[in-house]
PDB file of N, CA and C in Angstrom:
ATOM      1  N   LEU A   1      47.760 -18.637  32.533  1.00  0.00           N
ATOM      2  CA  LEU A   1      47.520 -17.421  31.783  1.00  0.00           C
ATOM      3  C   LEU A   1      47.279 -16.261  32.738  1.00  0.00           C
ATOM      4  N   THR A   2      47.763 -15.124  32.351  1.00  0.00           N
ATOM      5  CA  THR A   2      47.523 -13.933  33.147  1.00  0.00           C
ATOM      6  C   THR A   2      46.168 -13.364  32.788  1.00  0.00           C
ATOM      7  N   GLU A   3      45.736 -12.448  33.599  1.00  0.00           N
ATOM      8  CA  GLU A   3      44.433 -11.821  33.345  1.00  0.00           C
ATOM      9  C   GLU A   3      44.417 -11.118  31.990  1.00  0.00           C
ATOM     10  N   CYS A   4      45.501 -10.435  31.630  1.00  0.00           N
ATOM     11  CA  CYS A   4      45.586  -9.757  30.328  1.00  0.00           C
ATOM     12  C   CYS A   4      45.588 -10.773  29.198  1.00  0.00           C
ATOM     13  N   GLY A   5      46.312 -11.859  29.374  1.00  0.00           N
ATOM     14  CA  GLY A   5      46.374 -12.898  28.345  1.00  0.00           C
ATOM     15  C   GLY A   5      45.023 -13.548  28.147  1.00  0.00           C
ATOM     16  N   LEU A   6      44.303 -13.793  29.228  1.00  0.00           N
ATOM     17  CA  LEU A   6      42.973 -14.391  29.148  1.00  0.00           C
ATOM     18  C   LEU A   6      42.005 -13.431  28.457  1.00  0.00           C
ATOM     19  N   GLY A   7      42.081 -12.161  28.796  1.00  0.00           N
ATOM     20  CA  GLY A   7      41.223 -11.150  28.165  1.00  0.00           C
ATOM     21  C   GLY A   7      41.492 -11.059  26.674  1.00  0.00           C
ATOM     22  N   ALA A   8      42.763 -11.105  26.288  1.00  0.00           N
ATOM     23  CA  ALA A   8      43.116 -11.048  24.871  1.00  0.00           C
ATOM     24  C   ALA A   8      42.603 -12.290  24.150  1.00  0.00           C
ATOM     25  N   LEU A   9      42.704 -13.444  24.789  1.00  0.00           N
ATOM     26  CA  LEU A   9      42.231 -14.695  24.193  1.00  0.00           C
ATOM     27  C   LEU A   9      40.708 -14.671  24.000  1.00  0.00           C
ATOM     28  N   VAL A  10      39.994 -14.170  25.009  1.00  0.00           N
ATOM     29  CA  VAL A  10      38.534 -14.060  24.903  1.00  0.00           C
ATOM     30  C   VAL A  10      38.155 -13.083  23.788  1.00  0.00           C
ATOM     31  N   THR A  11      38.844 -11.966  23.714  1.00  0.00           N
ATOM     32  CA  THR A  11      38.577 -10.969  22.676  1.00  0.00           C
ATOM     33  C   THR A  11      38.835 -11.549  21.292  1.00  0.00           C
ATOM     34  N   LEU A  12      39.926 -12.281  21.159  1.00  0.00           N
ATOM     35  CA  LEU A  12      40.254 -12.912  19.884  1.00  0.00           C
ATOM     36  C   LEU A  12      39.184 -13.938  19.508  1.00  0.00           C
ATOM     37  N   GLY A  13      38.769 -14.718  20.481  1.00  0.00           N
ATOM     38  CA  GLY A  13      37.727 -15.723  20.228  1.00  0.00           C
ATOM     39  C   GLY A  13      36.411 -15.079  19.830  1.00  0.00           C
ATOM     40  N   MET A  14      36.040 -14.018  20.514  1.00  0.00           N
ATOM     41  CA  MET A  14      34.790 -13.314  20.193  1.00  0.00           C
ATOM     42  C   MET A  14      34.862 -12.706  18.790  1.00  0.00           C
ATOM     43  N   GLY A  15      36.015 -12.164  18.443  1.00  0.00           N
ATOM     44  CA  GLY A  15      36.192 -11.596  17.107  1.00  0.00           C
ATOM     45  C   GLY A  15      36.052 -12.659  16.024  1.00  0.00           C
ATOM     46  N   THR A  16      36.623 -13.820  16.290  1.00  0.00           N
ATOM     47  CA  THR A  16      36.540 -14.930  15.340  1.00  0.00           C
ATOM     48  C   THR A  16      35.092 -15.392  15.186  1.00  0.00           C
ATOM     49  N   ILE A  17      34.390 -15.526  16.298  1.00  0.00           N
ATOM     50  CA  ILE A  17      32.980 -15.931  16.266  1.00  0.00           C
ATOM     51  C   ILE A  17      32.148 -14.888  15.520  1.00  0.00           C
ATOM     52  N   TYR A  18      32.397 -13.623  15.798  1.00  0.00           N
ATOM     53  CA  TYR A  18      31.664 -12.549  15.121  1.00  0.00           C
ATOM     54  C   TYR A  18      31.891 -12.615  13.613  1.00  0.00           C
ATOM     55  N   LYS A  19      33.154 -12.766  13.206  1.00  0.00           N
ATOM     56  CA  LYS A  19      33.490 -12.816  11.781  1.00  0.00           C
ATOM     57  C   LYS A  19      32.800 -14.006  11.115  1.00  0.00           C
ATOM     58  N   CYS A  20      32.802 -15.146  11.765  1.00  0.00           N
ATOM     59  CA  CYS A  20      32.167 -16.354  11.231  1.00  0.00           C
ATOM     60  C   CYS A  20      30.661 -16.147  11.076  1.00  0.00           C
ATOM     61  N   LEU A  21      30.017 -15.602  12.104  1.00  0.00           N
ATOM     62  CA  LEU A  21      28.574 -15.347  12.045  1.00  0.00           C
ATOM     63  C   LEU A  21      28.242 -14.289  11.003  1.00  0.00           C
ATOM     64  N   SER A  22      29.071 -13.276  10.917  1.00  0.00           N
ATOM     65  CA  SER A  22      28.854 -12.218   9.934  1.00  0.00           C
ATOM     66  C   SER A  22      28.937 -12.784   8.518  1.00  0.00           C
ATOM     67  N   ASN A  23      29.909 -13.638   8.253  1.00  0.00           N
ATOM     68  CA  ASN A  23      30.042 -14.262   6.934  1.00  0.00           C
ATOM     69  C   ASN A  23      28.839 -15.148   6.623  1.00  0.00           C
ATOM     70  N   ARG A  24      28.384 -15.893   7.617  1.00  0.00           N
ATOM     71  CA  ARG A  24      27.233 -16.774   7.426  1.00  0.00           C
ATOM     72  C   ARG A  24      25.975 -15.962   7.117  1.00  0.00           C
ATOM     73  N   ILE A  25      25.757 -14.880   7.856  1.00  0.00           N
ATOM     74  CA  ILE A  25      24.578 -14.028   7.628  1.00  0.00           C
ATOM     75  C   ILE A  25      24.652 -13.400   6.234  1.00  0.00           C
ATOM     76  N   HIS A  26      25.839 -12.960   5.840  1.00  0.00           N
ATOM     77  CA  HIS A  26      26.008 -12.363   4.511  1.00  0.00           C
ATOM     78  C   HIS A  26      25.663 -13.388   3.428  1.00  0.00           C
ATOM     79  N   LYS A  27      26.150 -14.616   3.563  1.00  0.00           N
ATOM     80  CA  LYS A  27      25.855 -15.663   2.586  1.00  0.00           C
ATOM     81  C   LYS A  27      24.364 -15.965   2.549  1.00  0.00           C
ATOM     82  N   GLN A  28      23.727 -16.039   3.715  1.00  0.00           N
ATOM     83  CA  GLN A  28      22.284 -16.295   3.756  1.00  0.00           C
ATOM     84  C   GLN A  28      21.507 -15.169   3.071  1.00  0.00           C
ATOM     85  N   ASN A  29      21.942 -13.936   3.290  1.00  0.00           N
ATOM     86  CA  ASN A  29      21.291 -12.797   2.636  1.00  0.00           C
ATOM     87  C   ASN A  29      21.454 -12.859   1.120  1.00  0.00           C
ATOM     88  N   MET A  30      22.637 -13.241   0.664  1.00  0.00           N
ATOM     89  CA  MET A  30      22.880 -13.360  -0.770  1.00  0.00           C
ATOM     90  C   MET A  30      22.045 -14.499  -1.363  1.00  0.00           C
ATOM     91  N   ASP A  31      21.958 -15.617  -0.651  1.00  0.00           N
ATOM     92  CA  ASP A  31      21.136 -16.741  -1.101  1.00  0.00           C
ATOM     93  C   ASP A  31      19.662 -16.340  -1.162  1.00  0.00           C
ATOM     94  N   GLN A  32      19.211 -15.621  -0.144  1.00  0.00           N
ATOM     95  CA  GLN A  32      17.811 -15.187  -0.101  1.00  0.00           C
ATOM     96  C   GLN A  32      17.513 -14.238  -1.264  1.00  0.00           C
ATOM     97  N   LYS A  33      18.436 -13.341  -1.567  1.00  0.00           N
ATOM     98  CA  LYS A  33      18.245 -12.427  -2.697  1.00  0.00           C
ATOM     99  C   LYS A  33      18.193 -13.206  -4.004  1.00  0.00           C
ATOM    100  N   ALA A  34      19.060 -14.189  -4.163  1.00  0.00           N
ATOM    101  CA  ALA A  34      19.056 -14.998  -5.386  1.00  0.00           C
ATOM    102  C   ALA A  34      17.738 -15.755  -5.527  1.00  0.00           C
ATOM    103  N   LEU A  35      17.231 -16.301  -4.430  1.00  0.00           N
ATOM    104  CA  LEU A  35      15.946 -17.005  -4.466  1.00  0.00           C
ATOM    105  C   LEU A  35      14.808 -16.051  -4.807  1.00  0.00           C
ATOM    106  N   ARG A  36      14.825 -14.867  -4.223  1.00  0.00           N
ATOM    107  CA  ARG A  36      13.805 -13.855  -4.505  1.00  0.00           C
ATOM    108  C   ARG A  36      13.835 -13.467  -5.971  1.00  0.00           C
ATOM    109  N   ASP A  37      15.039 -13.178  -6.482  1.00  0.00           N
ATOM    110  CA  ASP A  37      15.175 -12.770  -7.881  1.00  0.00           C
ATOM    111  C   ASP A  37      14.740 -13.887  -8.828  1.00  0.00           C
ATOM    112  N   GLY A  38      15.111 -15.122  -8.508  1.00  0.00           N
ATOM    113  CA  GLY A  38      14.708 -16.254  -9.330  1.00  0.00           C
ATOM    114  C   GLY A  38      13.203 -16.455  -9.321  1.00  0.00           C
ATOM    115  N   THR A  39      12.606 -16.331  -8.148  1.00  0.00           N
ATOM    116  CA  THR A  39      11.151 -16.471  -8.033  1.00  0.00           C
ATOM    117  C   THR A  39      10.443 -15.376  -8.817  1.00  0.00           C
ATOM    118  N   LEU A  40      10.940 -14.151  -8.716  1.00  0.00           N
ATOM    119  CA  LEU A  40      10.361 -13.045  -9.490  1.00  0.00           C
ATOM    120  C   LEU A  40      10.439 -13.329 -10.987  1.00  0.00           C
ATOM    121  N   ALA A  41      11.567 -13.838 -11.446  1.00  0.00           N
ATOM    122  CA  ALA A  41      11.734 -14.132 -12.868  1.00  0.00           C
ATOM    123  C   ALA A  41      10.745 -15.207 -13.323  1.00  0.00           C
ATOM    124  N   LEU A  42      10.575 -16.245 -12.514  1.00  0.00           N
ATOM    125  CA  LEU A  42       9.629 -17.310 -12.864  1.00  0.00           C
ATOM    126  C   LEU A  42       8.189 -16.805 -12.870  1.00  0.00           C
ATOM    127  N   LEU A  43       7.826 -16.007 -11.872  1.00  0.00           N
ATOM    128  CA  LEU A  43       6.473 -15.448 -11.827  1.00  0.00           C
ATOM    129  C   LEU A  43       6.224 -14.534 -13.022  1.00  0.00           C
ATOM    130  N   ARG A  44       7.200 -13.688 -13.324  1.00  0.00           N
ATOM    131  CA  ARG A  44       7.075 -12.772 -14.465  1.00  0.00           C
ATOM    132  C   ARG A  44       6.907 -13.574 -15.760  1.00  0.00           C
ATOM    133  N   SER A  45       7.708 -14.599 -15.922  1.00  0.00           N
ATOM    134  CA  SER A  45       7.630 -15.438 -17.117  1.00  0.00           C
ATOM    135  C   SER A  45       6.256 -16.092 -17.255  1.00  0.00           C
ATOM    136  N   GLU A  46       5.719 -16.574 -16.159  1.00  0.00           N
ATOM    137  CA  GLU A  46       4.415 -17.239 -16.186  1.00  0.00           C
ATOM    138  C   GLU A  46       3.287 -16.247 -16.468  1.00  0.00           C
ATOM    139  N   ILE A  47       3.384 -15.056 -15.911  1.00  0.00           N
ATOM    140  CA  ILE A  47       2.379 -14.025 -16.198  1.00  0.00           C
ATOM    141  C   ILE A  47       2.412 -13.665 -17.682  1.00  0.00           C
ATOM    142  N   ILE A  48       3.609 -13.492 -18.234  1.00  0.00           N
ATOM    143  CA  ILE A  48       3.749 -13.157 -19.656  1.00  0.00           C
ATOM    144  C   ILE A  48       3.212 -14.290 -20.527  1.00  0.00           C
ATOM    145  N   ARG A  49       3.512 -15.533 -20.165  1.00  0.00           N
ATOM    146  CA  ARG A  49       3.022 -16.681 -20.931  1.00  0.00           C
ATOM    147  C   ARG A  49       1.490 -16.695 -20.961  1.00  0.00           C
ATOM    148  N   ASN A  50       0.884 -16.483 -19.792  1.00  0.00           N
ATOM    149  CA  ASN A  50      -0.580 -16.437 -19.721  1.00  0.00           C
ATOM    150  C   ASN A  50      -1.134 -15.253 -20.501  1.00  0.00           C
ATOM    151  N   TYR A  51      -0.476 -14.115 -20.401  1.00  0.00           N
ATOM    152  CA  TYR A  51      -0.908 -12.920 -21.131  1.00  0.00           C
ATOM    153  C   TYR A  51      -0.967 -13.207 -22.632  1.00  0.00           C
ATOM    154  N   GLU A  52       0.130 -13.745 -23.171  1.00  0.00           N
ATOM    155  CA  GLU A  52       0.177 -14.014 -24.604  1.00  0.00           C
ATOM    156  C   GLU A  52      -0.872 -15.051 -25.008  1.00  0.00           C
ATOM    157  N   LYS A  53      -1.024 -16.079 -24.210  1.00  0.00           N
ATOM    158  CA  LYS A  53      -1.982 -17.152 -24.512  1.00  0.00           C
ATOM    159  C   LYS A  53      -3.411 -16.617 -24.574  1.00  0.00           C
ATOM    160  N   TYR A  54      -3.807 -15.878 -23.534  1.00  0.00           N
ATOM    161  CA  TYR A  54      -5.204 -15.454 -23.463  1.00  0.00           C
ATOM    162  C   TYR A  54      -5.505 -14.213 -24.294  1.00  0.00           C
ATOM    163  N   MET A  55      -4.528 -13.376 -24.518  1.00  0.00           N
ATOM    164  CA  MET A  55      -4.768 -12.249 -25.424  1.00  0.00           C
ATOM    165  C   MET A  55      -4.979 -12.771 -26.843  1.00  0.00           C
ATOM    166  N   ASN A  56      -4.247 -13.801 -27.227  1.00  0.00           N
ATOM    167  CA  ASN A  56      -4.445 -14.411 -28.548  1.00  0.00           C
ATOM    168  C   ASN A  56      -5.823 -15.056 -28.663  1.00  0.00           C
ATOM    169  N   ARG A  57      -6.311 -15.635 -27.586  1.00  0.00           N
ATOM    170  CA  ARG A  57      -7.630 -16.276 -27.594  1.00  0.00           C
ATOM    171  C   ARG A  57      -8.764 -15.258 -27.467  1.00  0.00           C
ATOM    172  N   GLU A  58      -8.425 -14.076 -26.974  1.00  0.00           N
ATOM    173  CA  GLU A  58      -9.370 -12.973 -26.765  1.00  0.00           C
ATOM    174  C   GLU A  58     -10.398 -13.266 -25.668  1.00  0.00           C
ATOM    175  N   PHE A  59     -10.099 -14.194 -24.785  1.00  0.00           N
ATOM    176  CA  PHE A  59     -10.900 -14.433 -23.585  1.00  0.00           C
ATOM    177  C   PHE A  59     -10.025 -15.169 -22.585  1.00  0.00           C
ATOM    178  N   ILE A  60     -10.408 -15.087 -21.313  1.00  0.00           N
ATOM    179  CA  ILE A  60      -9.673 -15.796 -20.271  1.00  0.00           C
ATOM    180  C   ILE A  60     -10.694 -16.415 -19.315  1.00  0.00           C
ATOM    181  N   PRO A  61     -10.676 -17.742 -19.161  1.00  0.00           N
ATOM    182  CA  PRO A  61     -11.606 -18.383 -18.238  1.00  0.00           C
ATOM    183  C   PRO A  61     -11.401 -17.878 -16.810  1.00  0.00           C
ATOM    184  N   ILE A  62     -12.448 -17.940 -16.020  1.00  0.00           N
ATOM    185  CA  ILE A  62     -12.399 -17.444 -14.640  1.00  0.00           C
ATOM    186  C   ILE A  62     -11.277 -18.111 -13.850  1.00  0.00           C
ATOM    187  N   TYR A  63     -11.152 -19.435 -13.968  1.00  0.00           N
ATOM    188  CA  TYR A  63     -10.126 -20.150 -13.204  1.00  0.00           C
ATOM    189  C   TYR A  63      -8.722 -19.682 -13.593  1.00  0.00           C
ATOM    190  N   ALA A  64      -8.521 -19.369 -14.881  1.00  0.00           N
ATOM    191  CA  ALA A  64      -7.216 -18.902 -15.344  1.00  0.00           C
ATOM    192  C   ALA A  64      -6.932 -17.501 -14.821  1.00  0.00           C
ATOM    193  N   MET A  65      -7.968 -16.649 -14.795  1.00  0.00           N
ATOM    194  CA  MET A  65      -7.784 -15.290 -14.282  1.00  0.00           C
ATOM    195  C   MET A  65      -7.449 -15.322 -12.798  1.00  0.00           C
ATOM    196  N   GLU A  66      -8.108 -16.209 -12.052  1.00  0.00           N
ATOM    197  CA  GLU A  66      -7.793 -16.343 -10.630  1.00  0.00           C
ATOM    198  C   GLU A  66      -6.339 -16.761 -10.435  1.00  0.00           C
ATOM    199  N   ASN A  67      -5.888 -17.684 -11.261  1.00  0.00           N
ATOM    200  CA  ASN A  67      -4.502 -18.145 -11.163  1.00  0.00           C
ATOM    201  C   ASN A  67      -3.519 -17.022 -11.474  1.00  0.00           C
ATOM    202  N   VAL A  68      -3.784 -16.279 -12.537  1.00  0.00           N
ATOM    203  CA  VAL A  68      -2.893 -15.178 -12.911  1.00  0.00           C
ATOM    204  C   VAL A  68      -2.911 -14.092 -11.827  1.00  0.00           C
ATOM    205  N   ASN A  69      -4.066 -13.844 -11.225  1.00  0.00           N
ATOM    206  CA  ASN A  69      -4.134 -12.882 -10.123  1.00  0.00           C
ATOM    207  C   ASN A  69      -3.260 -13.321  -8.953  1.00  0.00           C
ATOM    208  N   GLU A  70      -3.253 -14.615  -8.652  1.00  0.00           N
ATOM    209  CA  GLU A  70      -2.405 -15.124  -7.570  1.00  0.00           C
ATOM    210  C   GLU A  70      -0.928 -14.995  -7.920  1.00  0.00           C
ATOM    211  N   LEU A  71      -0.581 -15.279  -9.169  1.00  0.00           N
ATOM    212  CA  LEU A  71       0.804 -15.094  -9.618  1.00  0.00           C
ATOM    213  C   LEU A  71       1.226 -13.634  -9.456  1.00  0.00           C
ATOM    214  N   TYR A  72       0.342 -12.735  -9.878  1.00  0.00           N
ATOM    215  CA  TYR A  72       0.644 -11.308  -9.801  1.00  0.00           C
ATOM    216  C   TYR A  72       0.762 -10.834  -8.352  1.00  0.00           C
ATOM    217  N   ALA A  73      -0.116 -11.325  -7.489  1.00  0.00           N
ATOM    218  CA  ALA A  73      -0.053 -10.932  -6.074  1.00  0.00           C
ATOM    219  C   ALA A  73       1.283 -11.345  -5.468  1.00  0.00           C
ATOM    220  N   ALA A  74       1.725 -12.561  -5.773  1.00  0.00           N
ATOM    221  CA  ALA A  74       3.020 -13.031  -5.268  1.00  0.00           C
ATOM    222  C   ALA A  74       4.148 -12.194  -5.863  1.00  0.00           C
ATOM    223  N   TYR A  75       4.066 -11.932  -7.154  1.00  0.00           N
ATOM    224  CA  TYR A  75       5.075 -11.118  -7.850  1.00  0.00           C
ATOM    225  C   TYR A  75       5.171  -9.732  -7.215  1.00  0.00           C
ATOM    226  N   HIS A  76       4.026  -9.126  -7.005  1.00  0.00           N
ATOM    227  CA  HIS A  76       3.979  -7.773  -6.438  1.00  0.00           C
ATOM    228  C   HIS A  76       4.496  -7.769  -4.991  1.00  0.00           C
ATOM    229  N   SER A  77       4.114  -8.771  -4.195  1.00  0.00           N
ATOM    230  CA  SER A  77       4.543  -8.792  -2.789  1.00  0.00           C
ATOM    231  C   SER A  77       6.047  -9.014  -2.654  1.00  0.00           C
ATOM    232  N   LEU A  78       6.672  -9.631  -3.660  1.00  0.00           N
ATOM    233  CA  LEU A  78       8.123  -9.817  -3.649  1.00  0.00           C
ATOM    234  C   LEU A  78       8.868  -8.592  -4.171  1.00  0.00           C
ATOM    235  N   GLY A  79       8.107  -7.559  -4.542  1.00  0.00           N
ATOM    236  CA  GLY A  79       8.743  -6.319  -4.974  1.00  0.00           C
ATOM    237  C   GLY A  79       8.872  -6.177  -6.469  1.00  0.00           C
ATOM    238  N   GLY A  80       8.118  -6.976  -7.223  1.00  0.00           N
ATOM    239  CA  GLY A  80       8.154  -6.856  -8.679  1.00  0.00           C
ATOM    240  C   GLY A  80       7.744  -5.455  -9.109  1.00  0.00           C
ATOM    241  N   ASN A  81       8.311  -5.007 -10.226  1.00  0.00           N
ATOM    242  CA  ASN A  81       8.026  -3.650 -10.686  1.00  0.00           C
ATOM    243  C   ASN A  81       6.679  -3.569 -11.393  1.00  0.00           C
ATOM    244  N   GLY A  82       6.338  -2.415 -11.885  1.00  0.00           N
ATOM    245  CA  GLY A  82       5.023  -2.175 -12.458  1.00  0.00           C
ATOM    246  C   GLY A  82       4.823  -2.665 -13.877  1.00  0.00           C
ATOM    247  N   THR A  83       5.852  -3.262 -14.477  1.00  0.00           N
ATOM    248  CA  THR A  83       5.723  -3.728 -15.846  1.00  0.00           C
ATOM    249  C   THR A  83       4.570  -4.712 -15.993  1.00  0.00           C
ATOM    250  N   MET A  84       4.419  -5.613 -15.057  1.00  0.00           N
ATOM    251  CA  MET A  84       3.370  -6.626 -15.123  1.00  0.00           C
ATOM    252  C   MET A  84       1.991  -6.025 -14.860  1.00  0.00           C
ATOM    253  N   THR A  85       1.941  -4.884 -14.216  1.00  0.00           N
ATOM    254  CA  THR A  85       0.664  -4.238 -13.914  1.00  0.00           C
ATOM    255  C   THR A  85      -0.100  -3.926 -15.200  1.00  0.00           C
ATOM    256  N   LYS A  86       0.587  -3.427 -16.205  1.00  0.00           N
ATOM    257  CA  LYS A  86      -0.053  -3.105 -17.489  1.00  0.00           C
ATOM    258  C   LYS A  86      -0.625  -4.370 -18.129  1.00  0.00           C
ATOM    259  N   LEU A  87       0.132  -5.457 -18.092  1.00  0.00           N
ATOM    260  CA  LEU A  87      -0.356  -6.713 -18.654  1.00  0.00           C
ATOM    261  C   LEU A  87      -1.592  -7.197 -17.896  1.00  0.00           C
ATOM    262  N   MET A  88      -1.555  -7.082 -16.580  1.00  0.00           N
ATOM    263  CA  MET A  88      -2.687  -7.518 -15.766  1.00  0.00           C
ATOM    264  C   MET A  88      -3.930  -6.691 -16.067  1.00  0.00           C
ATOM    265  N   GLU A  89      -3.762  -5.395 -16.239  1.00  0.00           N
ATOM    266  CA  GLU A  89      -4.899  -4.532 -16.563  1.00  0.00           C
ATOM    267  C   GLU A  89      -5.552  -4.969 -17.868  1.00  0.00           C
ATOM    268  N   GLU A  90      -4.729  -5.325 -18.858  1.00  0.00           N
ATOM    269  CA  GLU A  90      -5.273  -5.774 -20.142  1.00  0.00           C
ATOM    270  C   GLU A  90      -5.957  -7.130 -20.007  1.00  0.00           C
ATOM    271  N   LEU A  91      -5.374  -8.042 -19.246  1.00  0.00           N
ATOM    272  CA  LEU A  91      -6.002  -9.348 -19.035  1.00  0.00           C
ATOM    273  C   LEU A  91      -7.354  -9.213 -18.350  1.00  0.00           C
ATOM    274  N   ARG A  92      -7.438  -8.309 -17.383  1.00  0.00           N
ATOM    275  CA  ARG A  92      -8.676  -8.130 -16.631  1.00  0.00           C
ATOM    276  C   ARG A  92      -9.810  -7.571 -17.491  1.00  0.00           C
ATOM    277  N   LYS A  93      -9.465  -6.984 -18.621  1.00  0.00           N
ATOM    278  CA  LYS A  93     -10.486  -6.453 -19.529  1.00  0.00           C
ATOM    279  C   LYS A  93     -11.082  -7.537 -20.421  1.00  0.00           C
ATOM    280  N   LEU A  94     -10.409  -8.679 -20.513  1.00  0.00           N
ATOM    281  CA  LEU A  94     -10.901  -9.752 -21.377  1.00  0.00           C
ATOM    282  C   LEU A  94     -12.170 -10.371 -20.817  1.00  0.00           C
ATOM    283  N   SER A  95     -13.003 -10.851 -21.708  1.00  0.00           N
ATOM    284  CA  SER A  95     -14.201 -11.590 -21.308  1.00  0.00           C
ATOM    285  C   SER A  95     -13.788 -12.937 -20.734  1.00  0.00           C
ATOM    286  N   SER A  96     -14.633 -13.480 -19.874  1.00  0.00           N
ATOM    287  CA  SER A  96     -14.359 -14.810 -19.325  1.00  0.00           C
ATOM    288  C   SER A  96     -14.987 -15.900 -20.180  1.00  0.00           C
ATOM    289  N   LYS A  97     -15.685 -15.497 -21.206  1.00  0.00           N
ATOM    290  CA  LYS A  97     -16.360 -16.451 -22.099  1.00  0.00           C
ATOM    291  C   LYS A  97     -15.804 -16.322 -23.514  1.00  0.00           C
ATOM    292  N   GLU A  98     -15.686 -17.456 -24.171  1.00  0.00           N
ATOM    293  CA  GLU A  98     -15.236 -17.469 -25.552  1.00  0.00           C
ATOM    294  C   GLU A  98     -16.339 -16.932 -26.453  1.00  0.00           C
ATOM    295  N   LYS A  99     -15.935 -16.100 -27.406  1.00  0.00           N
ATOM    296  CA  LYS A  99     -16.903 -15.580 -28.375  1.00  0.00           C
ATOM    297  C   LYS A  99     -17.108 -16.658 -29.437  1.00  0.00           C
ATOM    298  N   ARG A 100     -18.330 -17.044 -29.630  1.00  0.00           N
ATOM    299  CA  ARG A 100     -18.628 -18.061 -30.636  1.00  0.00           C
ATOM    300  C   ARG A 100     -19.588 -17.484 -31.659  1.00  0.00           C
ATOM    301  N   GLU A 101     -19.283 -17.810 -32.864  1.00  0.00           N
ATOM    302  CA  GLU A 101     -20.164 -17.381 -33.948  1.00  0.00           C
ATOM    303  C   GLU A 101     -21.016 -18.569 -34.356  1.00  0.00           C
ATOM    304  N   ASP A 102     -22.313 -18.401 -34.269  1.00  0.00           N
ATOM    305  CA  ASP A 102     -23.226 -19.472 -34.691  1.00  0.00           C
ATOM    306  C   ASP A 102     -23.258 -19.526 -36.202  1.00  0.00           C
ATOM    307  N   LEU A 103     -23.190 -20.743 -36.723  1.00  0.00           N
ATOM    308  CA  LEU A 103     -23.215 -20.929 -38.175  1.00  0.00           C
ATOM    309  C   LEU A 103     -24.596 -21.147 -38.673  1.00  0.00           C
TER     310      LEU A 103
END
């Protein structure tokens, strides 16, 4: 091979390697976005489920509030929007004790 031929071969090889790595990085980014979006959807669903459950009961035990706070923190750190913030504010206003009427 001549020097020009070798240079062209190296350039072609580098281009092929670059294209392969670029495609792999793009796929990994798309997979990561899908995982993020799926995780956000699951966290949002769980927060809503807890919201409906405890708003109907009109109280939320301390352990449940701690769990929902952790769900919300993860949701927020992944870039979740403010929709869940309103639900969290309402949950935080609930008593941690069940209201009982003595007979």
